[in-house]
Amino acid sequence: MKKQIVILLILGFLTMSCAMMFKGTNSKLDIGSEPSGAKIYINGALYGETPTRVFLESKGTYSIEFRKEGYETKVFNLTNHVGAGWLVLDILTGLVPVIIDAATGAWYELDQKYINVLLEKYLIPAY
């Protein structure tokens, strides 16, 4: 009986993926602007107004647009990278964790955790 439990524990350890278990597939992103109250569009979809917190898939890349009446529109491009720590832990625990984290995108992390943009007022040309 003890031998079966030990074998099950070892199999469970070898088949778990570190990033999927501890981080998941989404990342938290805090978004702000100066002045606040700018509408936020992520990949064309309205997500609310600044300041706000959103959860995005870590494996994605995003175009974040800030719009506020009387101010120039700002665009911020958000990319991601593979977390080296997750990759190393997966390799050390075997092939299955590498496959799981690669397939789910769990080992990716967004390049930013906080974005704050300064919006500039439209300049009215003098005639």
N, C-alpha and C. Protein backbone atom coordinates (compact mmCIF):
# COMPACT_ATOMS: atom_id res chain seq x y z
N MET A 1 0.83 -1.20 0.00
CA MET A 1 0.00 0.00 0.00
C MET A 1 0.86 1.26 0.00
N LYS A 2 1.90 1.28 0.85
CA LYS A 2 2.79 2.44 0.91
C LYS A 2 3.52 2.63 -0.42
N LYS A 3 3.89 1.51 -1.02
CA LYS A 3 4.60 1.58 -2.29
C LYS A 3 3.71 2.21 -3.38
N GLN A 4 2.43 1.87 -3.39
CA GLN A 4 1.50 2.42 -4.38
C GLN A 4 1.32 3.94 -4.17
N ILE A 5 1.25 4.36 -2.93
CA ILE A 5 1.10 5.79 -2.64
C ILE A 5 2.33 6.55 -3.10
N VAL A 6 3.51 6.02 -2.83
CA VAL A 6 4.75 6.67 -3.25
C VAL A 6 4.80 6.75 -4.77
N ILE A 7 4.42 5.69 -5.46
CA ILE A 7 4.41 5.69 -6.92
C ILE A 7 3.43 6.73 -7.46
N LEU A 8 2.24 6.82 -6.87
CA LEU A 8 1.25 7.82 -7.29
C LEU A 8 1.77 9.24 -7.06
N LEU A 9 2.42 9.48 -5.94
CA LEU A 9 2.97 10.80 -5.66
C LEU A 9 4.06 11.16 -6.67
N ILE A 10 4.91 10.21 -6.98
CA ILE A 10 5.98 10.46 -7.95
C ILE A 10 5.38 10.73 -9.33
N LEU A 11 4.39 9.95 -9.75
CA LEU A 11 3.73 10.17 -11.04
C LEU A 11 3.04 11.53 -11.07
N GLY A 12 2.39 11.88 -9.98
CA GLY A 12 1.74 13.19 -9.90
C GLY A 12 2.74 14.32 -10.02
N PHE A 13 3.88 14.19 -9.37
CA PHE A 13 4.92 15.22 -9.43
C PHE A 13 5.48 15.33 -10.85
N LEU A 14 5.68 14.20 -11.51
CA LEU A 14 6.27 14.22 -12.85
C LEU A 14 5.31 14.76 -13.91
N THR A 15 4.01 14.71 -13.65
CA THR A 15 3.07 15.16 -14.67
C THR A 15 2.51 16.55 -14.40
N MET A 16 2.91 17.18 -13.33
CA MET A 16 2.39 18.53 -13.09
C MET A 16 3.27 19.55 -13.80
N SER A 17 2.66 20.62 -14.20
CA SER A 17 3.41 21.70 -14.85
C SER A 17 3.48 22.87 -13.89
N CYS A 18 4.66 23.38 -13.70
CA CYS A 18 4.87 24.40 -12.67
C CYS A 18 4.07 25.68 -12.94
N ALA A 19 4.19 26.24 -14.12
CA ALA A 19 3.53 27.51 -14.42
C ALA A 19 2.02 27.37 -14.39
N MET A 20 1.49 26.30 -14.91
CA MET A 20 0.04 26.09 -14.93
C MET A 20 -0.50 26.00 -13.51
N MET A 21 0.23 25.30 -12.63
CA MET A 21 -0.24 25.12 -11.26
C MET A 21 -0.13 26.40 -10.44
N PHE A 22 0.97 27.12 -10.55
CA PHE A 22 1.23 28.24 -9.65
C PHE A 22 0.84 29.60 -10.21
N LYS A 23 0.82 29.76 -11.53
CA LYS A 23 0.53 31.07 -12.12
C LYS A 23 -0.76 31.07 -12.93
N GLY A 24 -1.03 30.02 -13.66
CA GLY A 24 -2.19 29.99 -14.53
C GLY A 24 -1.87 30.58 -15.89
N THR A 25 -2.90 30.80 -16.70
CA THR A 25 -2.68 31.27 -18.06
C THR A 25 -2.94 32.76 -18.23
N ASN A 26 -3.39 33.45 -17.17
CA ASN A 26 -3.68 34.88 -17.25
C ASN A 26 -2.71 35.69 -16.40
N SER A 27 -2.53 36.94 -16.78
CA SER A 27 -1.70 37.87 -16.02
C SER A 27 -2.51 39.11 -15.68
N LYS A 28 -2.23 39.67 -14.52
CA LYS A 28 -2.90 40.89 -14.07
C LYS A 28 -2.16 42.09 -14.66
N LEU A 29 -2.92 43.07 -15.13
CA LEU A 29 -2.34 44.29 -15.69
C LEU A 29 -3.11 45.48 -15.13
N ASP A 30 -2.41 46.38 -14.46
CA ASP A 30 -3.00 47.62 -13.96
C ASP A 30 -2.76 48.70 -15.00
N ILE A 31 -3.83 49.42 -15.35
CA ILE A 31 -3.75 50.43 -16.41
C ILE A 31 -4.22 51.77 -15.86
N GLY A 32 -3.41 52.80 -16.09
CA GLY A 32 -3.76 54.14 -15.65
C GLY A 32 -3.40 55.17 -16.71
N SER A 33 -3.88 56.39 -16.49
CA SER A 33 -3.54 57.49 -17.40
C SER A 33 -3.58 58.79 -16.61
N GLU A 34 -2.88 59.76 -17.15
CA GLU A 34 -2.91 61.11 -16.58
C GLU A 34 -3.37 62.04 -17.68
N PRO A 35 -4.53 62.63 -17.67
CA PRO A 35 -5.53 62.53 -16.61
C PRO A 35 -6.27 61.20 -16.68
N SER A 36 -6.91 60.84 -15.57
CA SER A 36 -7.66 59.59 -15.53
C SER A 36 -8.97 59.74 -16.30
N GLY A 37 -9.68 58.66 -16.45
CA GLY A 37 -10.96 58.68 -17.16
C GLY A 37 -10.85 58.43 -18.65
N ALA A 38 -9.69 58.01 -19.11
CA ALA A 38 -9.54 57.69 -20.53
C ALA A 38 -10.16 56.33 -20.81
N LYS A 39 -10.82 56.21 -21.95
CA LYS A 39 -11.38 54.92 -22.35
C LYS A 39 -10.24 54.04 -22.84
N ILE A 40 -10.31 52.77 -22.46
CA ILE A 40 -9.28 51.80 -22.81
C ILE A 40 -9.85 50.80 -23.82
N TYR A 41 -9.17 50.68 -24.94
CA TYR A 41 -9.53 49.69 -25.95
C TYR A 41 -8.37 48.72 -26.08
N ILE A 42 -8.64 47.43 -25.87
CA ILE A 42 -7.60 46.42 -26.00
C ILE A 42 -7.94 45.57 -27.21
N ASN A 43 -7.05 45.61 -28.18
CA ASN A 43 -7.27 44.93 -29.47
C ASN A 43 -8.64 45.30 -30.05
N GLY A 44 -9.00 46.57 -29.90
CA GLY A 44 -10.23 47.09 -30.50
C GLY A 44 -11.48 46.99 -29.64
N ALA A 45 -11.42 46.25 -28.53
CA ALA A 45 -12.60 46.08 -27.67
C ALA A 45 -12.51 47.01 -26.46
N LEU A 46 -13.61 47.67 -26.13
CA LEU A 46 -13.65 48.58 -24.99
C LEU A 46 -13.58 47.78 -23.69
N TYR A 47 -12.63 48.14 -22.82
CA TYR A 47 -12.45 47.44 -21.55
C TYR A 47 -12.81 48.29 -20.35
N GLY A 48 -13.14 49.56 -20.54
CA GLY A 48 -13.48 50.42 -19.42
C GLY A 48 -12.69 51.71 -19.47
N GLU A 49 -12.56 52.35 -18.30
CA GLU A 49 -11.83 53.61 -18.19
C GLU A 49 -10.72 53.49 -17.16
N THR A 50 -9.73 54.36 -17.32
CA THR A 50 -8.62 54.37 -16.37
C THR A 50 -9.05 55.08 -15.08
N PRO A 51 -8.52 54.67 -13.95
CA PRO A 51 -7.65 53.51 -13.73
C PRO A 51 -8.47 52.23 -13.64
N THR A 52 -7.86 51.13 -14.04
CA THR A 52 -8.54 49.84 -13.98
C THR A 52 -7.52 48.72 -13.92
N ARG A 53 -8.01 47.55 -13.60
CA ARG A 53 -7.19 46.33 -13.59
C ARG A 53 -7.87 45.33 -14.51
N VAL A 54 -7.10 44.72 -15.39
CA VAL A 54 -7.63 43.70 -16.30
C VAL A 54 -6.78 42.44 -16.18
N PHE A 55 -7.37 41.33 -16.57
CA PHE A 55 -6.66 40.06 -16.62
C PHE A 55 -6.64 39.61 -18.07
N LEU A 56 -5.44 39.43 -18.59
CA LEU A 56 -5.25 39.08 -20.00
C LEU A 56 -4.51 37.76 -20.11
N GLU A 57 -4.76 37.05 -21.20
CA GLU A 57 -4.01 35.82 -21.44
C GLU A 57 -2.53 36.16 -21.59
N SER A 58 -1.71 35.46 -20.85
CA SER A 58 -0.27 35.73 -20.85
C SER A 58 0.38 35.48 -22.19
N LYS A 59 -0.17 34.56 -22.98
CA LYS A 59 0.48 34.21 -24.25
C LYS A 59 0.14 35.18 -25.38
N GLY A 60 -0.74 36.15 -25.12
CA GLY A 60 -1.16 37.06 -26.17
C GLY A 60 -0.30 38.32 -26.26
N THR A 61 -0.43 39.00 -27.38
CA THR A 61 0.14 40.33 -27.53
C THR A 61 -1.04 41.28 -27.75
N TYR A 62 -0.90 42.51 -27.26
CA TYR A 62 -2.05 43.40 -27.21
C TYR A 62 -1.69 44.80 -27.67
N SER A 63 -2.66 45.44 -28.31
CA SER A 63 -2.58 46.84 -28.65
C SER A 63 -3.57 47.55 -27.74
N ILE A 64 -3.06 48.42 -26.87
CA ILE A 64 -3.90 49.10 -25.89
C ILE A 64 -3.99 50.57 -26.30
N GLU A 65 -5.22 51.01 -26.54
CA GLU A 65 -5.45 52.36 -27.02
C GLU A 65 -6.14 53.17 -25.92
N PHE A 66 -5.66 54.38 -25.71
CA PHE A 66 -6.21 55.29 -24.71
C PHE A 66 -6.87 56.45 -25.43
N ARG A 67 -8.17 56.67 -25.18
CA ARG A 67 -8.91 57.75 -25.84
C ARG A 67 -9.63 58.59 -24.79
N LYS A 68 -9.46 59.91 -24.92
CA LYS A 68 -10.18 60.84 -24.05
C LYS A 68 -10.47 62.09 -24.86
N GLU A 69 -11.70 62.57 -24.76
CA GLU A 69 -12.09 63.75 -25.53
C GLU A 69 -11.20 64.93 -25.17
N GLY A 70 -10.69 65.62 -26.22
CA GLY A 70 -9.82 66.77 -26.03
C GLY A 70 -8.35 66.41 -25.94
N TYR A 71 -8.04 65.09 -25.99
CA TYR A 71 -6.65 64.62 -25.88
C TYR A 71 -6.31 63.75 -27.07
N GLU A 72 -5.02 63.73 -27.39
CA GLU A 72 -4.55 62.86 -28.47
C GLU A 72 -4.64 61.40 -28.03
N THR A 73 -5.00 60.54 -28.97
CA THR A 73 -5.07 59.11 -28.71
C THR A 73 -3.65 58.56 -28.57
N LYS A 74 -3.45 57.72 -27.58
CA LYS A 74 -2.15 57.05 -27.39
C LYS A 74 -2.35 55.55 -27.56
N VAL A 75 -1.36 54.91 -28.16
CA VAL A 75 -1.40 53.46 -28.34
C VAL A 75 -0.16 52.86 -27.69
N PHE A 76 -0.38 51.81 -26.93
CA PHE A 76 0.71 51.09 -26.27
C PHE A 76 0.64 49.65 -26.72
N ASN A 77 1.75 49.12 -27.23
CA ASN A 77 1.80 47.72 -27.66
C ASN A 77 2.42 46.88 -26.55
N LEU A 78 1.68 45.89 -26.10
CA LEU A 78 2.11 45.03 -25.01
C LEU A 78 2.48 43.66 -25.56
N THR A 79 3.68 43.21 -25.26
CA THR A 79 4.16 41.91 -25.73
C THR A 79 4.39 40.99 -24.54
N ASN A 80 4.87 39.80 -24.82
CA ASN A 80 5.12 38.83 -23.76
C ASN A 80 6.47 38.16 -23.97
N HIS A 81 6.85 37.34 -23.01
CA HIS A 81 8.08 36.55 -23.10
C HIS A 81 7.90 35.26 -22.31
N VAL A 82 8.71 34.27 -22.60
CA VAL A 82 8.67 33.03 -21.84
C VAL A 82 9.43 33.26 -20.54
N GLY A 83 8.79 32.95 -19.42
CA GLY A 83 9.45 33.07 -18.12
C GLY A 83 10.52 32.02 -17.98
N ALA A 84 11.77 32.44 -17.88
CA ALA A 84 12.89 31.49 -17.84
C ALA A 84 12.79 30.54 -16.65
N GLY A 85 12.32 31.04 -15.53
CA GLY A 85 12.19 30.19 -14.34
C GLY A 85 11.21 29.06 -14.55
N TRP A 86 10.07 29.37 -15.20
CA TRP A 86 9.08 28.32 -15.47
C TRP A 86 9.64 27.28 -16.43
N LEU A 87 10.36 27.74 -17.43
CA LEU A 87 10.94 26.83 -18.41
C LEU A 87 11.94 25.87 -17.75
N VAL A 88 12.81 26.41 -16.91
CA VAL A 88 13.80 25.58 -16.22
C VAL A 88 13.12 24.56 -15.32
N LEU A 89 12.12 25.00 -14.53
CA LEU A 89 11.41 24.07 -13.65
C LEU A 89 10.70 22.98 -14.43
N ASP A 90 10.11 23.34 -15.56
CA ASP A 90 9.44 22.33 -16.39
C ASP A 90 10.43 21.31 -16.94
N ILE A 91 11.57 21.78 -17.41
CA ILE A 91 12.57 20.86 -17.96
C ILE A 91 13.08 19.92 -16.87
N LEU A 92 13.28 20.44 -15.68
CA LEU A 92 13.76 19.61 -14.59
C LEU A 92 12.75 18.55 -14.15
N THR A 93 11.46 18.82 -14.35
CA THR A 93 10.45 17.85 -13.91
C THR A 93 9.98 16.92 -15.02
N GLY A 94 10.46 17.09 -16.24
CA GLY A 94 10.15 16.12 -17.28
C GLY A 94 9.49 16.71 -18.50
N LEU A 95 9.22 15.84 -19.46
CA LEU A 95 8.66 16.26 -20.75
C LEU A 95 7.20 16.67 -20.66
N VAL A 96 6.40 16.00 -19.86
CA VAL A 96 4.97 16.30 -19.77
C VAL A 96 4.73 17.73 -19.32
N PRO A 97 5.39 18.22 -18.25
CA PRO A 97 5.18 19.62 -17.86
C PRO A 97 5.54 20.62 -18.96
N VAL A 98 6.57 20.34 -19.71
CA VAL A 98 6.96 21.21 -20.82
C VAL A 98 5.83 21.28 -21.84
N ILE A 99 5.27 20.13 -22.18
CA ILE A 99 4.18 20.07 -23.15
C ILE A 99 2.96 20.81 -22.64
N ILE A 100 2.60 20.61 -21.36
CA ILE A 100 1.41 21.26 -20.80
C ILE A 100 1.57 22.77 -20.79
N ASP A 101 2.69 23.27 -20.27
CA ASP A 101 2.89 24.72 -20.19
C ASP A 101 3.03 25.36 -21.57
N ALA A 102 3.63 24.64 -22.50
CA ALA A 102 3.75 25.18 -23.86
C ALA A 102 2.39 25.23 -24.54
N ALA A 103 1.60 24.19 -24.38
CA ALA A 103 0.29 24.13 -25.03
C ALA A 103 -0.69 25.14 -24.45
N THR A 104 -0.65 25.33 -23.14
CA THR A 104 -1.59 26.26 -22.50
C THR A 104 -1.10 27.70 -22.52
N GLY A 105 0.20 27.89 -22.76
CA GLY A 105 0.77 29.24 -22.73
C GLY A 105 1.04 29.73 -21.33
N ALA A 106 0.99 28.83 -20.35
CA ALA A 106 1.15 29.23 -18.95
C ALA A 106 2.54 29.77 -18.64
N TRP A 107 3.54 29.36 -19.39
CA TRP A 107 4.89 29.82 -19.05
C TRP A 107 5.19 31.21 -19.62
N TYR A 108 4.25 31.80 -20.36
CA TYR A 108 4.43 33.17 -20.85
C TYR A 108 4.08 34.18 -19.75
N GLU A 109 4.74 35.31 -19.80
CA GLU A 109 4.46 36.44 -18.90
C GLU A 109 4.38 37.70 -19.74
N LEU A 110 3.48 38.60 -19.38
CA LEU A 110 3.42 39.88 -20.08
C LEU A 110 4.64 40.71 -19.71
N ASP A 111 5.11 41.53 -20.65
CA ASP A 111 6.31 42.33 -20.42
C ASP A 111 6.09 43.46 -19.42
N GLN A 112 4.85 43.84 -19.18
CA GLN A 112 4.53 44.91 -18.24
C GLN A 112 3.48 44.40 -17.26
N LYS A 113 3.53 44.91 -16.04
CA LYS A 113 2.49 44.62 -15.05
C LYS A 113 1.67 45.87 -14.77
N TYR A 114 2.20 47.03 -15.17
CA TYR A 114 1.52 48.30 -14.97
C TYR A 114 1.82 49.22 -16.14
N ILE A 115 0.78 49.85 -16.66
CA ILE A 115 0.95 50.81 -17.74
C ILE A 115 0.28 52.11 -17.31
N ASN A 116 1.00 53.21 -17.41
CA ASN A 116 0.45 54.52 -17.10
C ASN A 116 0.92 55.48 -18.19
N VAL A 117 -0.02 56.05 -18.94
CA VAL A 117 0.34 56.93 -20.03
C VAL A 117 -0.04 58.37 -19.71
N LEU A 118 0.74 59.28 -20.25
CA LEU A 118 0.46 60.71 -20.13
C LEU A 118 -0.21 61.16 -21.41
N LEU A 119 -1.46 61.60 -21.30
CA LEU A 119 -2.21 62.05 -22.47
C LEU A 119 -1.94 63.54 -22.69
N GLU A 120 -1.77 63.90 -23.95
CA GLU A 120 -1.48 65.30 -24.30
C GLU A 120 -2.71 65.92 -24.93
N LYS A 121 -2.99 67.17 -24.54
CA LYS A 121 -4.14 67.89 -25.09
C LYS A 121 -3.89 68.18 -26.56
N TYR A 122 -5.00 68.21 -27.32
CA TYR A 122 -4.90 68.61 -28.72
C TYR A 122 -4.41 70.04 -28.77
N LEU A 123 -3.52 70.30 -29.68
CA LEU A 123 -3.05 71.68 -29.88
C LEU A 123 -3.92 72.33 -30.95
N ILE A 124 -4.45 73.49 -30.62
CA ILE A 124 -5.28 74.23 -31.58
C ILE A 124 -4.36 75.20 -32.31
N PRO A 125 -4.26 75.07 -33.63
CA PRO A 125 -3.34 75.95 -34.38
C PRO A 125 -3.82 77.41 -34.33
N ALA A 126 -2.84 78.31 -34.19
CA ALA A 126 -3.16 79.75 -34.19
C ALA A 126 -3.18 80.23 -35.64
N TYR A 127 -4.17 81.05 -35.99
CA TYR A 127 -4.28 81.57 -37.35
C TYR A 127 -3.88 83.01 -37.41
